[in-house]
Amino acid sequence: GPAAGLLGGIDAARRSGFANTITLDVGGTSADICVAPAGQARMKH
């Protein structure tokens, strides 16, 4: 679920003309936060 939220956030930022993106997906139970430089999701080590 959190991975899908990140991709949706990156897509929204790109369509508004922004590249560097921080996504904040806050639901009822938790908040998912991701930093995507140049609109690219970083992978965990």
All heavy atoms as atom14 arrays in JSON, in Angstrom:
{
  "sequence": "GPAAGLLGGIDAARRSGFANTITLDVGGTSADICVAPAGQARMKH",
  "atom14_mask": [
    [1, 1, 1, 1, 0, 0, 0, 0, 0, 0, 0, 0, 0, 0],
    [1, 1, 1, 1, 1, 1, 1, 0, 0, 0, 0, 0, 0, 0],
    [1, 1, 1, 1, 1, 0, 0, 0, 0, 0, 0, 0, 0, 0],
    [1, 1, 1, 1, 1, 0, 0, 0, 0, 0, 0, 0, 0, 0],
    [1, 1, 1, 1, 0, 0, 0, 0, 0, 0, 0, 0, 0, 0],
    [1, 1, 1, 1, 1, 1, 1, 1, 0, 0, 0, 0, 0, 0],
    [1, 1, 1, 1, 1, 1, 1, 1, 0, 0, 0, 0, 0, 0],
    [1, 1, 1, 1, 0, 0, 0, 0, 0, 0, 0, 0, 0, 0],
    [1, 1, 1, 1, 0, 0, 0, 0, 0, 0, 0, 0, 0, 0],
    [1, 1, 1, 1, 1, 1, 1, 1, 0, 0, 0, 0, 0, 0],
    [1, 1, 1, 1, 1, 1, 1, 1, 0, 0, 0, 0, 0, 0],
    [1, 1, 1, 1, 1, 0, 0, 0, 0, 0, 0, 0, 0, 0],
    [1, 1, 1, 1, 1, 0, 0, 0, 0, 0, 0, 0, 0, 0],
    [1, 1, 1, 1, 1, 1, 1, 1, 1, 1, 1, 0, 0, 0],
    [1, 1, 1, 1, 1, 1, 1, 1, 1, 1, 1, 0, 0, 0],
    [1, 1, 1, 1, 1, 1, 0, 0, 0, 0, 0, 0, 0, 0],
    [1, 1, 1, 1, 0, 0, 0, 0, 0, 0, 0, 0, 0, 0],
    [1, 1, 1, 1, 1, 1, 1, 1, 1, 1, 1, 0, 0, 0],
    [1, 1, 1, 1, 1, 0, 0, 0, 0, 0, 0, 0, 0, 0],
    [1, 1, 1, 1, 1, 1, 1, 1, 0, 0, 0, 0, 0, 0],
    [1, 1, 1, 1, 1, 1, 1, 0, 0, 0, 0, 0, 0, 0],
    [1, 1, 1, 1, 1, 1, 1, 1, 0, 0, 0, 0, 0, 0],
    [1, 1, 1, 1, 1, 1, 1, 0, 0, 0, 0, 0, 0, 0],
    [1, 1, 1, 1, 1, 1, 1, 1, 0, 0, 0, 0, 0, 0],
    [1, 1, 1, 1, 1, 1, 1, 1, 0, 0, 0, 0, 0, 0],
    [1, 1, 1, 1, 1, 1, 1, 0, 0, 0, 0, 0, 0, 0],
    [1, 1, 1, 1, 0, 0, 0, 0, 0, 0, 0, 0, 0, 0],
    [1, 1, 1, 1, 0, 0, 0, 0, 0, 0, 0, 0, 0, 0],
    [1, 1, 1, 1, 1, 1, 1, 0, 0, 0, 0, 0, 0, 0],
    [1, 1, 1, 1, 1, 1, 0, 0, 0, 0, 0, 0, 0, 0],
    [1, 1, 1, 1, 1, 0, 0, 0, 0, 0, 0, 0, 0, 0],
    [1, 1, 1, 1, 1, 1, 1, 1, 0, 0, 0, 0, 0, 0],
    [1, 1, 1, 1, 1, 1, 1, 1, 0, 0, 0, 0, 0, 0],
    [1, 1, 1, 1, 1, 1, 0, 0, 0, 0, 0, 0, 0, 0],
    [1, 1, 1, 1, 1, 1, 1, 0, 0, 0, 0, 0, 0, 0],
    [1, 1, 1, 1, 1, 0, 0, 0, 0, 0, 0, 0, 0, 0],
    [1, 1, 1, 1, 1, 1, 1, 0, 0, 0, 0, 0, 0, 0],
    [1, 1, 1, 1, 1, 0, 0, 0, 0, 0, 0, 0, 0, 0],
    [1, 1, 1, 1, 0, 0, 0, 0, 0, 0, 0, 0, 0, 0],
    [1, 1, 1, 1, 1, 1, 1, 1, 1, 0, 0, 0, 0, 0],
    [1, 1, 1, 1, 1, 0, 0, 0, 0, 0, 0, 0, 0, 0],
    [1, 1, 1, 1, 1, 1, 1, 1, 1, 1, 1, 0, 0, 0],
    [1, 1, 1, 1, 1, 1, 1, 1, 0, 0, 0, 0, 0, 0],
    [1, 1, 1, 1, 1, 1, 1, 1, 1, 0, 0, 0, 0, 0],
    [1, 1, 1, 1, 1, 1, 1, 1, 1, 1, 0, 0, 0, 0]
  ],
  "atom14_positions": [
    [[0.79, -1.22, 0.0], [0.0, 0.0, 0.0], [0.82, 1.27, 0.0], [0.6, 2.17, -0.83], [0.0, 0.0, 0.0], [0.0, 0.0, 0.0], [0.0, 0.0, 0.0], [0.0, 0.0, 0.0], [0.0, 0.0, 0.0], [0.0, 0.0, 0.0], [0.0, 0.0, 0.0], [0.0, 0.0, 0.0], [0.0, 0.0, 0.0], [0.0, 0.0, 0.0]],
    [[1.79, 1.42, 0.92], [2.61, 2.63, 0.94], [3.35, 2.89, -0.36], [3.51, 4.04, -0.77], [3.59, 2.36, 2.09], [2.85, 1.44, 3.0], [2.05, 0.56, 2.09], [0.0, 0.0, 0.0], [0.0, 0.0, 0.0], [0.0, 0.0, 0.0], [0.0, 0.0, 0.0], [0.0, 0.0, 0.0], [0.0, 0.0, 0.0], [0.0, 0.0, 0.0]],
    [[3.82, 1.84, -1.04], [4.52, 2.03, -2.31], [3.61, 2.66, -3.34], [4.01, 3.54, -4.11], [5.06, 0.69, -2.81], [0.0, 0.0, 0.0], [0.0, 0.0, 0.0], [0.0, 0.0, 0.0], [0.0, 0.0, 0.0], [0.0, 0.0, 0.0], [0.0, 0.0, 0.0], [0.0, 0.0, 0.0], [0.0, 0.0, 0.0], [0.0, 0.0, 0.0]],
    [[2.35, 2.24, -3.38], [1.4, 2.82, -4.33], [1.15, 4.29, -4.03], [1.04, 5.11, -4.94], [0.09, 2.03, -4.29], [0.0, 0.0, 0.0], [0.0, 0.0, 0.0], [0.0, 0.0, 0.0], [0.0, 0.0, 0.0], [0.0, 0.0, 0.0], [0.0, 0.0, 0.0], [0.0, 0.0, 0.0], [0.0, 0.0, 0.0], [0.0, 0.0, 0.0]],
    [[1.07, 4.64, -2.74], [0.87, 6.04, -2.37], [2.0, 6.92, -2.84], [1.78, 8.06, -3.3], [0.0, 0.0, 0.0], [0.0, 0.0, 0.0], [0.0, 0.0, 0.0], [0.0, 0.0, 0.0], [0.0, 0.0, 0.0], [0.0, 0.0, 0.0], [0.0, 0.0, 0.0], [0.0, 0.0, 0.0], [0.0, 0.0, 0.0], [0.0, 0.0, 0.0]],
    [[3.24, 6.43, -2.73], [4.39, 7.2, -3.2], [4.3, 7.45, -4.7], [4.49, 8.58, -5.18], [5.68, 6.45, -2.88], [6.92, 6.94, -3.64], [7.3, 8.33, -3.19], [8.08, 5.97, -3.46], [0.0, 0.0, 0.0], [0.0, 0.0, 0.0], [0.0, 0.0, 0.0], [0.0, 0.0, 0.0], [0.0, 0.0, 0.0], [0.0, 0.0, 0.0]],
    [[4.0, 6.42, -5.47], [3.95, 6.57, -6.92], [2.84, 7.53, -7.34], [2.99, 8.32, -8.27], [3.75, 5.2, -7.57], [4.87, 4.19, -7.32], [4.54, 2.84, -7.92], [6.18, 4.7, -7.89], [0.0, 0.0, 0.0], [0.0, 0.0, 0.0], [0.0, 0.0, 0.0], [0.0, 0.0, 0.0], [0.0, 0.0, 0.0], [0.0, 0.0, 0.0]],
    [[1.7, 7.48, -6.64], [0.64, 8.42, -6.93], [1.04, 9.85, -6.61], [0.7, 10.79, -7.35], [0.0, 0.0, 0.0], [0.0, 0.0, 0.0], [0.0, 0.0, 0.0], [0.0, 0.0, 0.0], [0.0, 0.0, 0.0], [0.0, 0.0, 0.0], [0.0, 0.0, 0.0], [0.0, 0.0, 0.0], [0.0, 0.0, 0.0], [0.0, 0.0, 0.0]],
    [[1.78, 10.05, -5.53], [2.25, 11.38, -5.16], [3.26, 11.93, -6.15], [3.22, 13.12, -6.51], [0.0, 0.0, 0.0], [0.0, 0.0, 0.0], [0.0, 0.0, 0.0], [0.0, 0.0, 0.0], [0.0, 0.0, 0.0], [0.0, 0.0, 0.0], [0.0, 0.0, 0.0], [0.0, 0.0, 0.0], [0.0, 0.0, 0.0], [0.0, 0.0, 0.0]],
    [[4.19, 11.09, -6.6], [5.19, 11.52, -7.59], [4.49, 11.93, -8.88], [4.83, 12.94, -9.51], [6.2, 10.39, -7.85], [7.09, 10.18, -6.63], [7.04, 10.68, -9.08], [8.04, 9.01, -6.75], [0.0, 0.0, 0.0], [0.0, 0.0, 0.0], [0.0, 0.0, 0.0], [0.0, 0.0, 0.0], [0.0, 0.0, 0.0], [0.0, 0.0, 0.0]],
    [[3.48, 11.16, -9.29], [2.75, 11.48, -10.51], [2.03, 12.82, -10.39], [2.03, 13.63, -11.32], [1.75, 10.35, -10.81], [1.03, 10.54, -12.12], [1.7, 10.5, -13.16], [-0.2, 10.73, -12.11], [0.0, 0.0, 0.0], [0.0, 0.0, 0.0], [0.0, 0.0, 0.0], [0.0, 0.0, 0.0], [0.0, 0.0, 0.0], [0.0, 0.0, 0.0]],
    [[1.43, 13.09, -9.22], [0.72, 14.37, -9.02], [1.69, 15.54, -9.08], [1.4, 16.58, -9.69], [-0.01, 14.34, -7.68], [0.0, 0.0, 0.0], [0.0, 0.0, 0.0], [0.0, 0.0, 0.0], [0.0, 0.0, 0.0], [0.0, 0.0, 0.0], [0.0, 0.0, 0.0], [0.0, 0.0, 0.0], [0.0, 0.0, 0.0], [0.0, 0.0, 0.0]],
    [[2.88, 15.41, -8.45], [3.87, 16.49, -8.46], [4.37, 16.74, -9.87], [4.52, 17.9, -10.3], [5.03, 16.15, -7.53], [0.0, 0.0, 0.0], [0.0, 0.0, 0.0], [0.0, 0.0, 0.0], [0.0, 0.0, 0.0], [0.0, 0.0, 0.0], [0.0, 0.0, 0.0], [0.0, 0.0, 0.0], [0.0, 0.0, 0.0], [0.0, 0.0, 0.0]],
    [[4.63, 15.68, -10.61], [5.13, 15.82, -11.98], [4.14, 16.58, -12.85], [4.52, 17.44, -13.65], [5.4, 14.43, -12.58], [5.89, 14.46, -14.02], [6.14, 13.04, -14.53], [4.94, 12.23, -14.48], [3.99, 12.26, -15.42], [4.12, 13.07, -16.47], [2.92, 11.48, -15.33], [0.0, 0.0, 0.0], [0.0, 0.0, 0.0], [0.0, 0.0, 0.0]],
    [[2.87, 16.3, -12.69], [1.85, 16.95, -13.51], [1.7, 18.43, -13.16], [1.17, 19.21, -13.96], [0.51, 16.23, -13.36], [0.54, 14.82, -13.93], [-0.78, 14.09, -13.73], [-0.67, 12.71, -14.17], [-0.8, 12.32, -15.43], [-1.03, 13.21, -16.37], [-0.69, 11.05, -15.75], [0.0, 0.0, 0.0], [0.0, 0.0, 0.0], [0.0, 0.0, 0.0]],
    [[2.15, 18.83, -11.98], [2.13, 20.24, -11.62], [3.46, 20.92, -11.89], [3.66, 22.08, -11.52], [1.76, 20.41, -10.13], [0.38, 20.17, -9.94], [0.0, 0.0, 0.0], [0.0, 0.0, 0.0], [0.0, 0.0, 0.0], [0.0, 0.0, 0.0], [0.0, 0.0, 0.0], [0.0, 0.0, 0.0], [0.0, 0.0, 0.0], [0.0, 0.0, 0.0]],
    [[4.39, 20.21, -12.5], [5.66, 20.81, -12.89], [6.76, 20.73, -11.87], [7.78, 21.42, -11.99], [0.0, 0.0, 0.0], [0.0, 0.0, 0.0], [0.0, 0.0, 0.0], [0.0, 0.0, 0.0], [0.0, 0.0, 0.0], [0.0, 0.0, 0.0], [0.0, 0.0, 0.0], [0.0, 0.0, 0.0], [0.0, 0.0, 0.0], [0.0, 0.0, 0.0]],
    [[6.62, 19.88, -10.84], [7.64, 19.73, -9.8], [8.35, 18.4, -9.98], [7.74, 17.38, -10.28], [7.02, 19.8, -8.41], [6.37, 21.12, -8.09], [5.0, 21.27, -8.22], [7.12, 22.2, -7.67], [4.38, 22.48, -7.92], [6.52, 23.42, -7.37], [5.14, 23.56, -7.5], [0.0, 0.0, 0.0], [0.0, 0.0, 0.0], [0.0, 0.0, 0.0]],
    [[9.66, 18.41, -9.75], [10.45, 17.18, -9.86], [10.77, 16.61, -8.48], [10.33, 15.52, -8.12], [11.73, 17.45, -10.65], [0.0, 0.0, 0.0], [0.0, 0.0, 0.0], [0.0, 0.0, 0.0], [0.0, 0.0, 0.0], [0.0, 0.0, 0.0], [0.0, 0.0, 0.0], [0.0, 0.0, 0.0], [0.0, 0.0, 0.0], [0.0, 0.0, 0.0]],
    [[11.56, 17.36, -7.68], [11.91, 16.88, -6.33], [10.65, 16.79, -5.48], [9.96, 17.8, -5.27], [12.92, 17.83, -5.68], [14.26, 17.81, -6.37], [14.62, 16.83, -7.02], [15.01, 18.89, -6.23], [0.0, 0.0, 0.0], [0.0, 0.0, 0.0], [0.0, 0.0, 0.0], [0.0, 0.0, 0.0], [0.0, 0.0, 0.0], [0.0, 0.0, 0.0]],
    [[10.38, 15.62, -4.96], [9.1, 15.37, -4.31], [9.27, 14.71, -2.95], [10.07, 13.77, -2.8], [8.21, 14.47, -5.18], [8.11, 15.04, -6.49], [6.83, 14.31, -4.59], [0.0, 0.0, 0.0], [0.0, 0.0, 0.0], [0.0, 0.0, 0.0], [0.0, 0.0, 0.0], [0.0, 0.0, 0.0], [0.0, 0.0, 0.0], [0.0, 0.0, 0.0]],
    [[8.54, 15.2, -1.96], [8.37, 14.52, -0.69], [6.89, 14.17, -0.57], [6.04, 15.06, -0.67], [8.8, 15.38, 0.51], [10.29, 15.7, 0.44], [8.48, 14.67, 1.83], [10.76, 16.67, 1.51], [0.0, 0.0, 0.0], [0.0, 0.0, 0.0], [0.0, 0.0, 0.0], [0.0, 0.0, 0.0], [0.0, 0.0, 0.0], [0.0, 0.0, 0.0]],
    [[6.58, 12.9, -0.41], [5.19, 12.49, -0.31], [4.82, 12.27, 1.15], [5.58, 11.69, 1.92], [4.91, 11.21, -1.11], [5.75, 10.15, -0.64], [5.2, 11.44, -2.58], [0.0, 0.0, 0.0], [0.0, 0.0, 0.0], [0.0, 0.0, 0.0], [0.0, 0.0, 0.0], [0.0, 0.0, 0.0], [0.0, 0.0, 0.0], [0.0, 0.0, 0.0]],
    [[3.63, 12.72, 1.5], [3.09, 12.56, 2.84], [1.7, 11.96, 2.7], [0.75, 12.65, 2.32], [3.02, 13.91, 3.57], [2.29, 13.93, 4.92], [3.12, 13.2, 5.98], [2.01, 15.36, 5.36], [0.0, 0.0, 0.0], [0.0, 0.0, 0.0], [0.0, 0.0, 0.0], [0.0, 0.0, 0.0], [0.0, 0.0, 0.0], [0.0, 0.0, 0.0]],
    [[1.59, 10.68, 2.96], [0.32, 9.96, 2.81], [-0.18, 9.59, 4.21], [0.33, 8.68, 4.84], [0.54, 8.7, 1.96], [-0.76, 8.02, 1.58], [-1.81, 8.39, 2.13], [-0.74, 7.11, 0.73], [0.0, 0.0, 0.0], [0.0, 0.0, 0.0], [0.0, 0.0, 0.0], [0.0, 0.0, 0.0], [0.0, 0.0, 0.0], [0.0, 0.0, 0.0]],
    [[-1.17, 10.34, 4.68], [-1.67, 10.16, 6.04], [-3.06, 9.54, 5.99], [-4.0, 10.14, 5.46], [-1.73, 11.5, 6.81], [-2.11, 11.25, 8.27], [-0.4, 12.23, 6.71], [0.0, 0.0, 0.0], [0.0, 0.0, 0.0], [0.0, 0.0, 0.0], [0.0, 0.0, 0.0], [0.0, 0.0, 0.0], [0.0, 0.0, 0.0], [0.0, 0.0, 0.0]],
    [[-3.18, 8.36, 6.54], [-4.47, 7.68, 6.59], [-5.05, 7.72, 7.98], [-4.78, 8.62, 8.77], [0.0, 0.0, 0.0], [0.0, 0.0, 0.0], [0.0, 0.0, 0.0], [0.0, 0.0, 0.0], [0.0, 0.0, 0.0], [0.0, 0.0, 0.0], [0.0, 0.0, 0.0], [0.0, 0.0, 0.0], [0.0, 0.0, 0.0], [0.0, 0.0, 0.0]],
    [[-5.84, 6.72, 8.29], [-6.46, 6.69, 9.6], [-5.57, 6.11, 10.67], [-5.74, 6.41, 11.86], [0.0, 0.0, 0.0], [0.0, 0.0, 0.0], [0.0, 0.0, 0.0], [0.0, 0.0, 0.0], [0.0, 0.0, 0.0], [0.0, 0.0, 0.0], [0.0, 0.0, 0.0], [0.0, 0.0, 0.0], [0.0, 0.0, 0.0], [0.0, 0.0, 0.0]],
    [[-4.58, 5.3, 10.28], [-3.75, 4.59, 11.25], [-2.3, 5.07, 11.25], [-1.67, 5.12, 12.3], [-3.78, 3.08, 10.95], [-5.14, 2.64, 10.92], [-3.02, 2.3, 12.01], [0.0, 0.0, 0.0], [0.0, 0.0, 0.0], [0.0, 0.0, 0.0], [0.0, 0.0, 0.0], [0.0, 0.0, 0.0], [0.0, 0.0, 0.0], [0.0, 0.0, 0.0]],
    [[-1.77, 5.43, 10.09], [-0.35, 5.75, 9.99], [-0.1, 6.81, 8.94], [-0.99, 7.18, 8.16], [0.45, 4.48, 9.65], [0.02, 3.97, 8.4], [0.0, 0.0, 0.0], [0.0, 0.0, 0.0], [0.0, 0.0, 0.0], [0.0, 0.0, 0.0], [0.0, 0.0, 0.0], [0.0, 0.0, 0.0], [0.0, 0.0, 0.0], [0.0, 0.0, 0.0]],
    [[1.14, 7.3, 8.92], [1.6, 8.25, 7.91], [2.8, 7.66, 7.21], [3.76, 7.22, 7.86], [1.94, 9.59, 8.55], [0.0, 0.0, 0.0], [0.0, 0.0, 0.0], [0.0, 0.0, 0.0], [0.0, 0.0, 0.0], [0.0, 0.0, 0.0], [0.0, 0.0, 0.0], [0.0, 0.0, 0.0], [0.0, 0.0, 0.0], [0.0, 0.0, 0.0]],
    [[2.77, 7.65, 5.88], [3.88, 7.14, 5.07], [4.59, 8.32, 4.43], [3.96, 9.14, 3.75], [3.36, 6.19, 4.0], [2.62, 5.0, 4.59], [3.1, 4.45, 5.59], [1.56, 4.63, 4.06], [0.0, 0.0, 0.0], [0.0, 0.0, 0.0], [0.0, 0.0, 0.0], [0.0, 0.0, 0.0], [0.0, 0.0, 0.0], [0.0, 0.0, 0.0]],
    [[5.9, 8.38, 4.63], [6.7, 9.52, 4.17], [7.83, 9.0, 3.3], [8.51, 8.03, 3.65], [7.24, 10.31, 5.37], [6.08, 10.96, 6.12], [8.26, 11.36, 4.94], [6.38, 11.28, 7.55], [0.0, 0.0, 0.0], [0.0, 0.0, 0.0], [0.0, 0.0, 0.0], [0.0, 0.0, 0.0], [0.0, 0.0, 0.0], [0.0, 0.0, 0.0]],
    [[8.04, 9.65, 2.15], [9.11, 9.23, 1.25], [9.69, 10.44, 0.55], [8.97, 11.38, 0.2], [8.59, 8.23, 0.22], [9.88, 7.54, -0.84], [0.0, 0.0, 0.0], [0.0, 0.0, 0.0], [0.0, 0.0, 0.0], [0.0, 0.0, 0.0], [0.0, 0.0, 0.0], [0.0, 0.0, 0.0], [0.0, 0.0, 0.0], [0.0, 0.0, 0.0]],
    [[11.01, 10.43, 0.36], [11.72, 11.48, -0.35], [12.13, 10.93, -1.7], [12.82, 9.91, -1.79], [12.95, 11.95, 0.45], [13.73, 13.01, -0.32], [12.52, 12.48, 1.82], [0.0, 0.0, 0.0], [0.0, 0.0, 0.0], [0.0, 0.0, 0.0], [0.0, 0.0, 0.0], [0.0, 0.0, 0.0], [0.0, 0.0, 0.0], [0.0, 0.0, 0.0]],
    [[11.71, 11.63, -2.78], [11.97, 11.17, -4.14], [12.69, 12.27, -4.92], [12.04, 13.1, -5.57], [10.67, 10.78, -4.83], [0.0, 0.0, 0.0], [0.0, 0.0, 0.0], [0.0, 0.0, 0.0], [0.0, 0.0, 0.0], [0.0, 0.0, 0.0], [0.0, 0.0, 0.0], [0.0, 0.0, 0.0], [0.0, 0.0, 0.0], [0.0, 0.0, 0.0]],
    [[14.03, 12.32, -4.87], [14.76, 13.33, -5.65], [14.52, 13.14, -7.14], [14.55, 12.02, -7.65], [16.23, 13.06, -5.28], [16.19, 12.21, -4.05], [14.92, 11.44, -4.13], [0.0, 0.0, 0.0], [0.0, 0.0, 0.0], [0.0, 0.0, 0.0], [0.0, 0.0, 0.0], [0.0, 0.0, 0.0], [0.0, 0.0, 0.0], [0.0, 0.0, 0.0]],
    [[14.27, 14.24, -7.83], [14.0, 14.22, -9.28], [12.85, 13.29, -9.64], [12.78, 12.76, -10.75], [15.27, 13.82, -10.04], [0.0, 0.0, 0.0], [0.0, 0.0, 0.0], [0.0, 0.0, 0.0], [0.0, 0.0, 0.0], [0.0, 0.0, 0.0], [0.0, 0.0, 0.0], [0.0, 0.0, 0.0], [0.0, 0.0, 0.0], [0.0, 0.0, 0.0]],
    [[11.95, 13.07, -8.68], [10.8, 12.23, -8.94], [11.09, 10.76, -9.04], [10.28, 9.99, -9.57], [0.0, 0.0, 0.0], [0.0, 0.0, 0.0], [0.0, 0.0, 0.0], [0.0, 0.0, 0.0], [0.0, 0.0, 0.0], [0.0, 0.0, 0.0], [0.0, 0.0, 0.0], [0.0, 0.0, 0.0], [0.0, 0.0, 0.0], [0.0, 0.0, 0.0]],
    [[12.24, 10.32, -8.51], [12.63, 8.92, -8.56], [12.59, 8.31, -7.16], [13.25, 8.82, -6.25], [14.04, 8.76, -9.15], [14.17, 9.25, -10.58], [13.3, 8.45, -11.54], [13.25, 7.23, -11.48], [12.6, 9.16, -12.43], [0.0, 0.0, 0.0], [0.0, 0.0, 0.0], [0.0, 0.0, 0.0], [0.0, 0.0, 0.0], [0.0, 0.0, 0.0]],
    [[11.83, 7.25, -7.01], [11.75, 6.58, -5.72], [13.08, 5.94, -5.37], [13.69, 5.26, -6.2], [10.65, 5.52, -5.75], [0.0, 0.0, 0.0], [0.0, 0.0, 0.0], [0.0, 0.0, 0.0], [0.0, 0.0, 0.0], [0.0, 0.0, 0.0], [0.0, 0.0, 0.0], [0.0, 0.0, 0.0], [0.0, 0.0, 0.0], [0.0, 0.0, 0.0]],
    [[13.57, 6.18, -4.16], [14.81, 5.56, -3.71], [14.52, 4.2, -3.1], [13.51, 4.02, -2.43], [15.51, 6.46, -2.67], [15.98, 7.79, -3.23], [16.67, 8.6, -2.14], [15.8, 8.81, -1.01], [16.19, 8.84, 0.27], [17.46, 8.64, 0.56], [15.34, 9.05, 1.24], [0.0, 0.0, 0.0], [0.0, 0.0, 0.0], [0.0, 0.0, 0.0]],
    [[15.43, 3.25, -3.33], [15.27, 1.92, -2.78], [16.04, 1.8, -1.47], [17.12, 2.39, -1.32], [15.77, 0.87, -3.77], [15.11, 0.92, -5.14], [13.32, 0.69, -5.1], [13.23, -1.03, -4.62], [0.0, 0.0, 0.0], [0.0, 0.0, 0.0], [0.0, 0.0, 0.0], [0.0, 0.0, 0.0], [0.0, 0.0, 0.0], [0.0, 0.0, 0.0]],
    [[15.5, 1.06, -0.55], [16.2, 0.82, 0.72], [17.42, -0.06, 0.48], [17.41, -0.94, -0.38], [15.28, 0.15, 1.73], [14.32, 1.08, 2.43], [13.63, 0.37, 3.57], [12.76, 1.33, 4.37], [12.12, 0.68, 5.53], [0.0, 0.0, 0.0], [0.0, 0.0, 0.0], [0.0, 0.0, 0.0], [0.0, 0.0, 0.0], [0.0, 0.0, 0.0]],
    [[18.45, 0.19, 1.28], [19.57, -0.75, 1.29], [19.05, -2.08, 1.83], [18.26, -2.12, 2.77], [20.69, -0.22, 2.19], [21.96, -1.0, 2.07], [22.1, -2.26, 2.6], [23.14, -0.71, 1.48], [23.32, -2.71, 2.35], [23.96, -1.8, 1.67], [0.0, 0.0, 0.0], [0.0, 0.0, 0.0], [0.0, 0.0, 0.0], [0.0, 0.0, 0.0]]
  ]
}
